[in-house]
């Protein structure tokens, strides 16, 4: 639209349409792409560890114990002569498996139960909220110790335990957003057109309710990697000799003053990975929150 003097006038009603005078998005920035590069490197190294020319992470060499980083041992060796570089790469598998699978299970269950509670209300909602309150009230560490004492430390047990028992927050977020979107016009229109409850939940509500959960998923991944590292440090995760970042840090404490590389490299890898996940997750959350506010 153009005025008599030739100046362009932006129609407010048309500004919301794609391609019409929309504000230019800010670029992600160098730090964001550095974090993406680091995460991509960690993931590729973990997936291709068996194909890389690495020393066996379980192989001991008592003639090369406590060797400082050099051309053969890039990260040095530990007190048993095991290659730390190889153990860091293979240890990333455990951290990534737990860090990805646990949030995936937890957020999926939380999304489903939150949608059901917010849509149907009534006694179904009360039962689900009671389950949420129980999960928050029961000390998770006690349950973890009991289960591990009965079945032993196992990767599958840890994934299921954290995935099923840690979805209370996701349920509350999904339920709150379901209640909000239930009042929106597109849901009312779907009901008026005779759409089934399943169609309304899956096609109308779920894509919108899932947005805030997706925005916190990467932060949940970093939180689980830290949790696994803590459990490994305490000896409650996958038992040795299988390498994990946490148990490598714990074993390196004996050489805290004389061989900093024994715990420094796994600790540094853990720190950089969690920092990158938090930064990328924060950027993604801001983008998704901005998109959600326009719905």
Protein backbone atom coordinates (compact mmCIF):
# COMPACT_ATOMS: atom_id res chain seq x y z
CA UNK A 1 0.00 0.00 0.00
CA UNK A 2 1.41 3.41 -1.04
CA UNK A 3 0.38 6.92 0.06
CA UNK A 4 0.01 9.88 -2.29
CA UNK A 5 3.52 11.11 -1.55
CA UNK A 6 5.04 7.77 -2.50
CA UNK A 7 5.75 6.63 1.07
CA UNK A 8 4.92 3.01 1.82
CA UNK A 9 2.35 2.32 4.50
CA UNK A 10 2.40 -1.05 6.23
CA UNK A 11 -1.03 -2.52 6.75
CA UNK A 12 -1.15 -3.87 10.34
CA UNK A 13 -3.60 -6.57 9.29
CA UNK A 14 -1.22 -7.82 6.61
CA UNK A 15 1.90 -7.68 8.76
CA UNK A 16 1.13 -11.05 10.30
CA UNK A 17 1.09 -12.83 6.94
CA UNK A 18 4.25 -14.68 5.88
CA UNK A 19 6.54 -12.61 3.73
CA UNK A 20 4.87 -9.25 4.50
CA UNK A 21 7.22 -6.90 6.35
CA UNK A 22 8.10 -9.51 8.99
CA UNK A 23 10.99 -8.69 11.33
CA UNK A 24 14.27 -10.32 10.41
CA UNK A 25 15.29 -13.05 12.82
CA UNK A 26 18.53 -12.59 14.65
CA UNK A 27 21.30 -15.00 13.58
CA UNK A 28 22.23 -17.80 15.94
CA UNK A 29 25.77 -16.53 16.45
CA UNK A 30 29.23 -18.06 16.48
CA UNK A 31 28.96 -19.56 19.98
CA UNK A 32 25.79 -21.41 19.02
CA UNK A 33 27.47 -23.03 16.02
CA UNK A 34 30.58 -23.86 18.04
CA UNK A 35 28.35 -25.66 20.53
CA UNK A 36 26.56 -27.47 17.70
CA UNK A 37 29.95 -28.48 16.27
CA UNK A 38 31.13 -29.84 19.62
CA UNK A 39 27.91 -31.80 20.17
CA UNK A 40 28.11 -33.18 16.64
CA UNK A 41 31.71 -34.25 17.25
CA UNK A 42 30.76 -36.04 20.48
CA UNK A 43 27.81 -37.81 18.85
CA UNK A 44 29.80 -38.91 15.79
CA UNK A 45 32.69 -40.12 17.95
CA UNK A 46 30.32 -42.12 20.14
CA UNK A 47 28.52 -43.69 17.18
CA UNK A 48 31.70 -44.50 15.25
CA UNK A 49 33.89 -45.51 18.20
CA UNK A 50 34.14 -49.12 16.99
CA UNK A 51 35.29 -47.95 13.56
CA UNK A 52 37.96 -45.55 14.80
CA UNK A 53 41.60 -46.69 15.22
CA UNK A 54 41.41 -46.56 19.01
CA UNK A 55 43.15 -48.60 21.65
CA UNK A 56 40.84 -51.01 23.45
CA UNK A 57 39.44 -48.97 26.38
CA UNK A 58 39.59 -52.05 28.64
CA UNK A 59 43.14 -53.03 27.70
CA UNK A 60 45.62 -52.63 30.56
CA UNK A 61 49.32 -52.02 30.08
CA UNK A 62 51.21 -52.05 33.36
CA UNK A 63 54.35 -50.86 31.61
CA UNK A 64 52.60 -47.58 30.72
CA UNK A 65 50.77 -46.63 33.90
CA UNK A 66 50.19 -42.94 34.61
CA UNK A 67 51.78 -41.80 31.34
CA UNK A 68 51.30 -38.11 30.56
CA UNK A 69 49.64 -37.10 27.26
CA UNK A 70 51.92 -37.82 24.30
CA UNK A 71 51.82 -38.82 20.65
CA UNK A 72 50.61 -42.35 21.38
CA UNK A 73 48.33 -41.63 24.32
CA UNK A 74 46.69 -38.29 23.48
CA UNK A 75 45.03 -37.98 26.89
CA UNK A 76 47.59 -40.07 28.77
CA UNK A 77 46.91 -43.27 30.69
CA UNK A 78 45.42 -44.07 34.08
CA UNK A 79 46.83 -46.08 36.99
CA UNK A 80 46.12 -49.34 35.14
CA UNK A 81 47.72 -48.22 31.88
CA UNK A 82 44.41 -47.80 30.03
CA UNK A 83 44.17 -45.19 27.29
CA UNK A 84 42.11 -42.26 28.59
CA UNK A 85 41.31 -40.87 25.14
CA UNK A 86 39.72 -44.16 24.10
CA UNK A 87 37.86 -44.44 27.40
CA UNK A 88 36.48 -40.90 27.08
CA UNK A 89 35.08 -41.68 23.62
CA UNK A 90 33.58 -45.02 24.59
CA UNK A 91 32.32 -43.52 27.85
CA UNK A 92 30.35 -40.93 25.89
CA UNK A 93 28.07 -43.73 24.71
CA UNK A 94 26.69 -44.35 28.21
CA UNK A 95 26.18 -40.64 28.85
CA UNK A 96 24.43 -40.07 25.51
CA UNK A 97 22.23 -43.16 25.81
CA UNK A 98 20.99 -42.11 29.24
CA UNK A 99 20.89 -38.43 28.32
CA UNK A 100 18.73 -39.01 25.24
CA UNK A 101 16.55 -42.00 26.15
CA UNK A 102 15.53 -40.83 29.61
CA UNK A 103 14.14 -37.41 28.50
CA UNK A 104 12.51 -39.07 25.48
CA UNK A 105 10.67 -41.57 27.68
CA UNK A 106 9.91 -39.06 30.42
CA UNK A 107 8.63 -36.29 28.14
CA UNK A 108 6.59 -38.70 26.02
CA UNK A 109 4.83 -40.13 29.06
CA UNK A 110 4.41 -36.64 30.52
CA UNK A 111 2.91 -35.31 27.29
CA UNK A 112 0.43 -38.18 27.01
CA UNK A 113 -0.72 -38.07 30.63
CA UNK A 114 -0.82 -34.27 30.69
CA UNK A 115 -3.02 -34.18 27.59
CA UNK A 116 -5.38 -36.78 29.03
CA UNK A 117 -5.60 -35.02 32.40
CA UNK A 118 -6.22 -31.58 30.89
CA UNK A 119 -8.71 -32.77 28.28
CA UNK A 120 -10.90 -35.19 30.21
CA UNK A 121 -10.62 -33.59 33.68
CA UNK A 122 -12.73 -35.23 36.43
CA UNK A 123 -11.54 -38.36 38.19
CA UNK A 124 -8.98 -39.12 35.47
CA UNK A 125 -7.27 -35.83 36.18
CA UNK A 126 -7.34 -36.47 39.92
CA UNK A 127 -5.71 -39.89 39.52
CA UNK A 128 -2.96 -38.51 37.31
CA UNK A 129 -2.31 -35.56 39.64
CA UNK A 130 -2.14 -37.97 42.58
CA UNK A 131 0.53 -39.93 40.72
CA UNK A 132 2.43 -36.68 40.09
CA UNK A 133 2.27 -35.70 43.76
CA UNK A 134 3.52 -39.15 44.78
CA UNK A 135 6.50 -38.92 42.43
CA UNK A 136 7.42 -35.52 43.84
CA UNK A 137 6.92 -36.57 47.48
CA UNK A 138 8.79 -39.88 47.33
CA UNK A 139 12.58 -39.51 47.69
CA UNK A 140 13.96 -40.61 44.36
CA UNK A 141 17.40 -41.45 45.72
CA UNK A 142 15.91 -43.95 48.18
CA UNK A 143 13.97 -45.65 45.38
CA UNK A 144 17.10 -45.71 43.24
CA UNK A 145 19.17 -47.33 45.99
CA UNK A 146 16.47 -49.95 46.67
CA UNK A 147 16.09 -50.90 43.01
CA UNK A 148 19.83 -51.03 42.40
CA UNK A 149 20.28 -53.16 45.54
CA UNK A 150 17.68 -55.65 44.26
CA UNK A 151 18.50 -55.88 40.54
CA UNK A 152 21.99 -54.38 40.46
CA UNK A 153 23.38 -51.47 38.47
CA UNK A 154 22.27 -51.85 34.88
CA UNK A 155 21.88 -49.42 31.98
CA UNK A 156 18.34 -50.51 31.10
CA UNK A 157 17.24 -50.30 34.73
CA UNK A 158 18.62 -46.77 35.05
CA UNK A 159 16.92 -45.61 31.85
CA UNK A 160 13.53 -47.04 32.82
CA UNK A 161 13.79 -45.86 36.41
CA UNK A 162 14.58 -42.26 35.49
CA UNK A 163 12.27 -42.22 32.48
CA UNK A 164 9.19 -43.47 34.31
CA UNK A 165 9.82 -41.84 37.67
CA UNK A 166 10.90 -38.41 36.47
CA UNK A 167 7.94 -37.25 34.40
CA UNK A 168 6.02 -35.31 37.05
CA UNK A 169 7.16 -31.91 35.82
CA UNK A 170 6.37 -32.76 32.20
CA UNK A 171 2.86 -33.87 33.17
CA UNK A 172 2.18 -30.59 34.96
CA UNK A 173 3.46 -28.49 32.05
CA UNK A 174 1.47 -30.50 29.48
CA UNK A 175 -1.71 -30.36 31.59
CA UNK A 176 -1.43 -26.59 32.12
CA UNK A 177 -0.94 -25.95 28.41
CA UNK A 178 -3.79 -28.31 27.52
CA UNK A 179 -6.13 -26.31 29.76
CA UNK A 180 -5.01 -23.12 28.02
CA UNK A 181 -5.45 -24.41 24.47
CA UNK A 182 -8.79 -25.99 25.28
CA UNK A 183 -10.23 -22.46 25.27
CA UNK A 184 -8.77 -21.53 21.87
CA UNK A 185 -10.88 -21.07 18.76
CA UNK A 186 -9.41 -23.93 16.74
CA UNK A 187 -10.38 -26.45 19.43
CA UNK A 188 -13.89 -25.02 19.67
CA UNK A 189 -14.21 -25.17 15.89
CA UNK A 190 -13.03 -28.79 15.80
CA UNK A 191 -15.64 -29.75 18.38
CA UNK A 192 -18.35 -27.90 16.45
CA UNK A 193 -17.41 -29.80 13.30
CA UNK A 194 -17.88 -33.09 15.15
CA UNK A 195 -14.23 -34.12 15.50
CA UNK A 196 -13.61 -37.07 17.82
CA UNK A 197 -11.77 -36.69 21.10
CA UNK A 198 -8.80 -38.62 19.70
CA UNK A 199 -8.54 -36.32 16.69
CA UNK A 200 -8.77 -33.19 18.83
CA UNK A 201 -6.08 -34.43 21.23
CA UNK A 202 -3.68 -35.71 18.56
CA UNK A 203 -4.13 -33.20 15.75
CA UNK A 204 -5.23 -30.02 17.50
CA UNK A 205 -3.79 -30.05 21.02
CA UNK A 206 -0.66 -32.20 20.94
CA UNK A 207 1.37 -30.18 18.39
CA UNK A 208 0.85 -27.03 20.46
CA UNK A 209 1.22 -28.59 23.91
CA UNK A 210 4.44 -30.32 22.82
CA UNK A 211 6.21 -27.02 22.05
CA UNK A 212 7.16 -26.13 25.65
CA UNK A 213 8.27 -29.71 26.27
CA UNK A 214 10.47 -29.68 23.18
CA UNK A 215 12.00 -26.41 24.35
CA UNK A 216 13.15 -28.00 27.63
CA UNK A 217 14.15 -31.35 26.14
CA UNK A 218 17.77 -30.35 25.48
CA UNK A 219 18.10 -28.94 28.99
CA UNK A 220 16.74 -32.24 30.28
CA UNK A 221 19.40 -34.08 28.27
CA UNK A 222 22.17 -32.07 29.92
CA UNK A 223 20.61 -32.65 33.33
CA UNK A 224 20.54 -36.40 32.81
CA UNK A 225 24.16 -36.46 31.64
CA UNK A 226 25.14 -34.69 34.85
CA UNK A 227 22.96 -37.08 36.88
CA UNK A 228 24.57 -40.11 35.25
CA UNK A 229 28.01 -38.66 35.90
CA UNK A 230 27.09 -38.12 39.55
CA UNK A 231 25.76 -41.65 39.92
CA UNK A 232 28.87 -43.07 38.26
CA UNK A 233 31.01 -41.00 40.60
CA UNK A 234 29.12 -42.56 43.53
CA UNK A 235 29.36 -46.05 42.04
CA UNK A 236 25.60 -46.32 41.38
CA UNK A 237 25.65 -46.35 37.58
CA UNK A 238 27.08 -48.83 35.09
CA UNK A 239 29.79 -50.66 37.04
CA UNK A 240 33.47 -50.76 36.03
CA UNK A 241 35.36 -51.70 33.97
CA UNK A 242 32.87 -50.20 31.49
CA UNK A 243 34.05 -46.60 31.06
CA UNK A 244 31.76 -43.69 31.88
CA UNK A 245 32.73 -40.08 32.40
CA UNK A 246 31.63 -40.23 36.03
CA UNK A 247 33.58 -43.31 37.09
CA UNK A 248 36.66 -42.04 35.22
CA UNK A 249 36.51 -38.83 37.26
CA UNK A 250 36.08 -40.83 40.46
CA UNK A 251 39.05 -43.08 39.67
CA UNK A 252 41.18 -40.03 38.87
CA UNK A 253 40.76 -38.55 42.34
CA UNK A 254 43.53 -40.82 43.62
CA UNK A 255 45.90 -39.04 41.22
CA UNK A 256 44.49 -35.58 41.81
CA UNK A 257 47.86 -33.93 42.44
CA UNK A 258 50.24 -36.04 40.37
CA UNK A 259 48.23 -36.84 37.21
CA UNK A 260 45.63 -34.18 36.51
CA UNK A 261 44.94 -35.62 33.06
CA UNK A 262 43.40 -38.78 34.53
CA UNK A 263 40.31 -36.89 35.73
CA UNK A 264 40.78 -33.59 33.89
CA UNK A 265 39.99 -34.84 30.38
CA UNK A 266 36.76 -36.72 31.25
CA UNK A 267 35.71 -33.83 33.51
CA UNK A 268 36.46 -31.31 30.76
CA UNK A 269 34.55 -33.36 28.18
CA UNK A 270 31.57 -33.61 30.51
CA UNK A 271 31.71 -29.86 31.21
CA UNK A 272 31.90 -28.84 27.55
CA UNK A 273 29.11 -31.21 26.55
CA UNK A 274 26.73 -30.01 29.27
CA UNK A 275 27.62 -26.36 28.63
CA UNK A 276 26.94 -26.78 24.90
CA UNK A 277 23.63 -28.53 25.54
CA UNK A 278 22.52 -25.80 27.94
CA UNK A 279 23.47 -23.00 25.54
CA UNK A 280 21.83 -24.62 22.50
CA UNK A 281 18.78 -25.55 24.57
CA UNK A 282 18.41 -21.98 25.80
CA UNK A 283 18.56 -20.61 22.24
CA UNK A 284 16.04 -23.18 20.99
CA UNK A 285 13.75 -22.45 23.93
CA UNK A 286 13.70 -18.74 23.16
CA UNK A 287 12.89 -19.41 19.49
CA UNK A 288 10.10 -21.84 20.34
CA UNK A 289 8.69 -19.57 23.05
CA UNK A 290 8.52 -16.74 20.52
CA UNK A 291 6.73 -19.01 18.06
CA UNK A 292 4.36 -20.29 20.75
CA UNK A 293 3.38 -16.75 21.74
CA UNK A 294 2.12 -16.15 18.19
CA UNK A 295 -0.17 -19.18 18.15
